[in-house]
Protein backbone atom coordinates (compact mmCIF):
# COMPACT_ATOMS: atom_id res chain seq x y z
CA MET A 1 0.00 0.00 0.00
CA LYS A 2 1.43 3.35 -0.98
CA PHE A 3 0.79 6.90 0.15
CA SER A 4 2.30 9.80 -1.75
CA THR A 5 1.90 13.52 -2.08
CA ARG A 6 3.75 16.59 -3.27
CA GLU A 7 3.83 20.17 -2.09
CA ASP A 8 5.42 23.26 -3.58
CA ILE A 9 7.26 25.37 -1.02
CA GLU A 10 8.28 29.02 -1.46
CA ALA A 11 11.86 28.50 -0.22
CA PRO A 12 15.20 27.47 -1.76
CA ALA A 13 16.03 23.76 -1.98
CA ASP A 14 18.94 24.02 0.49
CA TYR A 15 16.69 25.63 3.10
CA VAL A 16 13.99 22.98 2.62
CA PHE A 17 16.57 20.18 2.70
CA ALA A 18 17.92 21.45 6.02
CA HIS A 19 14.40 21.18 7.48
CA VAL A 20 13.46 17.79 6.03
CA THR A 21 16.74 16.39 7.39
CA ASP A 22 16.26 17.76 10.91
CA PHE A 23 16.24 14.26 12.38
CA ALA A 24 16.85 15.57 15.90
CA GLY A 25 13.64 17.61 15.54
CA PHE A 26 11.75 14.53 14.33
CA GLU A 27 13.10 12.61 17.33
CA ARG A 28 11.87 15.34 19.73
CA ARG A 29 8.45 15.37 18.02
CA ALA A 30 8.14 11.58 18.39
CA LEU A 31 9.06 11.88 22.08
CA ARG A 32 6.26 14.43 22.56
CA TYR A 33 3.81 11.88 21.13
CA GLY A 34 4.95 9.28 23.65
CA ALA A 35 7.38 7.27 21.53
CA GLN A 36 10.82 6.29 22.76
CA VAL A 37 13.49 7.04 20.18
CA SER A 38 17.16 6.15 20.33
CA ARG A 39 19.84 6.37 17.70
CA VAL A 40 21.78 3.12 17.36
CA GLY A 41 25.58 3.06 17.47
CA GLN A 42 26.20 6.70 16.64
CA ASP A 43 26.62 10.01 18.33
CA GLN A 44 24.07 12.74 17.72
CA GLY A 45 26.00 14.22 14.79
CA ALA A 46 24.61 14.71 11.31
CA PRO A 47 22.99 11.50 10.04
CA THR A 48 24.44 9.78 7.01
CA ALA A 49 23.46 6.71 5.02
CA GLY A 50 23.50 3.82 7.47
CA THR A 51 22.24 5.76 10.49
CA GLU A 52 19.77 3.66 12.48
CA TRP A 53 17.09 4.30 15.06
CA GLU A 54 15.11 2.10 17.42
CA ILE A 55 11.62 3.45 18.07
CA ALA A 56 9.20 2.04 20.62
CA PHE A 57 5.59 3.24 20.65
CA LYS A 58 2.08 2.16 21.52
CA PHE A 59 -0.34 1.51 18.65
CA ARG A 60 -3.81 0.01 18.91
CA GLY A 61 -3.24 -0.90 22.55
CA ARG A 62 -0.01 -2.83 21.95
CA ASN A 63 3.60 -1.88 22.43
CA ARG A 64 5.38 -1.86 19.07
CA LYS A 65 9.00 -1.57 18.01
CA LEU A 66 10.24 -0.05 14.76
CA ASP A 67 13.80 -0.41 13.51
CA ALA A 68 14.50 2.38 11.02
CA LYS A 69 17.56 2.88 8.85
CA LEU A 70 18.60 5.76 6.61
CA THR A 71 19.37 3.74 3.48
CA GLU A 72 20.00 6.55 0.98
CA PHE A 73 21.10 10.12 1.60
CA SER A 74 21.84 12.51 -1.23
CA ALA A 75 22.06 16.21 -0.34
CA PRO A 76 20.14 18.30 -1.47
CA VAL A 77 18.08 15.84 -3.51
CA GLY A 78 16.54 13.66 -0.81
CA TYR A 79 16.78 10.48 1.19
CA GLN A 80 15.15 7.14 1.91
CA VAL A 81 14.35 5.57 5.28
CA THR A 82 13.55 1.88 5.55
CA GLY A 83 11.78 0.47 8.58
CA VAL A 84 10.71 -2.93 9.87
CA THR A 85 8.04 -3.55 12.49
CA ASP A 86 5.84 -6.52 13.40
CA GLY A 87 6.07 -8.21 10.01
CA MET A 88 5.70 -4.97 8.07
CA HIS A 89 8.32 -3.38 5.82
CA ILE A 90 8.04 0.42 5.43
CA VAL A 91 9.94 2.53 2.90
CA THR A 92 9.73 6.32 3.10
CA ASP A 93 11.11 8.42 0.23
CA ILE A 94 11.70 12.17 0.50
CA GLU A 95 12.67 13.96 -2.71
CA LEU A 96 13.25 17.63 -3.44
CA VAL A 97 13.06 19.23 -6.87
CA SER A 98 14.23 22.81 -7.30
CA LEU A 99 11.64 24.58 -9.44
CA SER A 100 13.35 27.99 -9.23
CA PRO A 101 15.89 29.65 -6.93
CA THR A 102 13.14 30.34 -4.39
CA ARG A 103 10.66 27.50 -5.02
CA THR A 104 11.06 23.80 -4.20
CA ARG A 105 8.79 20.82 -4.75
CA LEU A 106 8.68 18.31 -1.89
CA LEU A 107 7.70 14.75 -2.87
CA VAL A 108 6.90 12.34 -0.03
CA GLY A 109 6.10 8.67 -0.50
CA VAL A 110 5.46 5.90 2.03
CA ASP A 111 5.20 2.28 0.89
CA LEU A 112 3.90 -0.39 3.30
CA ARG A 113 4.47 -4.08 2.59
CA SER A 114 3.36 -6.99 4.73
CA LYS A 115 5.72 -9.80 5.65
CA SER A 116 3.31 -11.70 7.90
CA PHE A 117 -0.34 -12.65 8.02
CA THR A 118 -1.01 -10.21 10.89
CA ALA A 119 0.58 -7.35 8.98
CA ARG A 120 -1.45 -8.30 5.91
CA LEU A 121 -4.64 -7.92 7.99
CA VAL A 122 -3.53 -4.51 9.24
CA ILE A 123 -2.79 -3.31 5.71
CA GLN A 124 -6.09 -4.73 4.46
CA SER A 125 -7.99 -2.77 7.11
CA MET A 126 -6.01 0.34 6.14
CA LYS A 127 -7.04 -0.15 2.51
CA LEU A 128 -10.67 0.07 3.58
CA ALA A 129 -9.97 3.51 5.06
CA LYS A 130 -7.43 4.56 2.42
CA ALA A 131 -9.25 7.76 1.39
CA LYS A 132 -9.37 9.00 4.98
CA LEU A 133 -5.75 8.00 5.69
CA ASN A 134 -4.56 9.59 2.43
CA LYS A 135 -6.34 12.82 3.32
CA ARG A 136 -4.71 12.81 6.78
CA PHE A 137 -1.28 12.05 5.27
CA ARG A 138 -1.58 14.91 2.79
CA ALA A 139 -2.73 17.29 5.53
CA ARG A 140 0.34 16.46 7.65
CA VAL A 141 2.73 17.00 4.74
CA LEU A 142 0.96 20.28 3.86
CA GLU A 143 1.23 21.46 7.48
CA PHE A 144 4.94 20.59 7.54
CA SER A 145 5.48 22.41 4.21
CA GLU A 146 3.65 25.50 5.44
CA ASP A 147 5.81 25.56 8.58
CA ILE A 148 8.97 25.49 6.43
CA GLU A 149 7.62 28.24 4.18
CA GLU A 150 6.62 30.42 7.14
CA GLY A 151 10.03 29.96 8.75
CA TYR A 152 11.74 31.01 5.53
CA ARG A 153 9.55 34.12 5.19
CA LYS A 154 10.26 35.17 8.77
CA GLY A 155 14.00 34.59 8.32
CA GLN A 156 14.31 36.84 5.28
């Protein structure tokens, strides 16, 4: 099952890339939502391809664990994060396309694949609510894009 969206942001590609690679900020945000996030085998420096995280969170009344790895990292074009949890394989792609010196297109894609019967059931139930989940996904990406754009406008 795949979710994808794109947003045009009124900011240069380098500025947008700096914000979409703010992994420390993403870690803090996850902590605020009750997840436990820890970077595996690395200091808190700038992430590179191969950086890994262990994330523990509660979903649908059960404690879950997600192992995430930054598999591709190409500044300022984008990156890919691969995750594995409870029989599910998740691939998240972030891509930036410079439309002009002050305008950037952000492309976000999340692909979910089941590796177990239980995960297949979860994805099947998600397919039934795909329109609602897609709408929520797009709203989150739009909100994130607007925050980047607003920060750039205030910084000028």
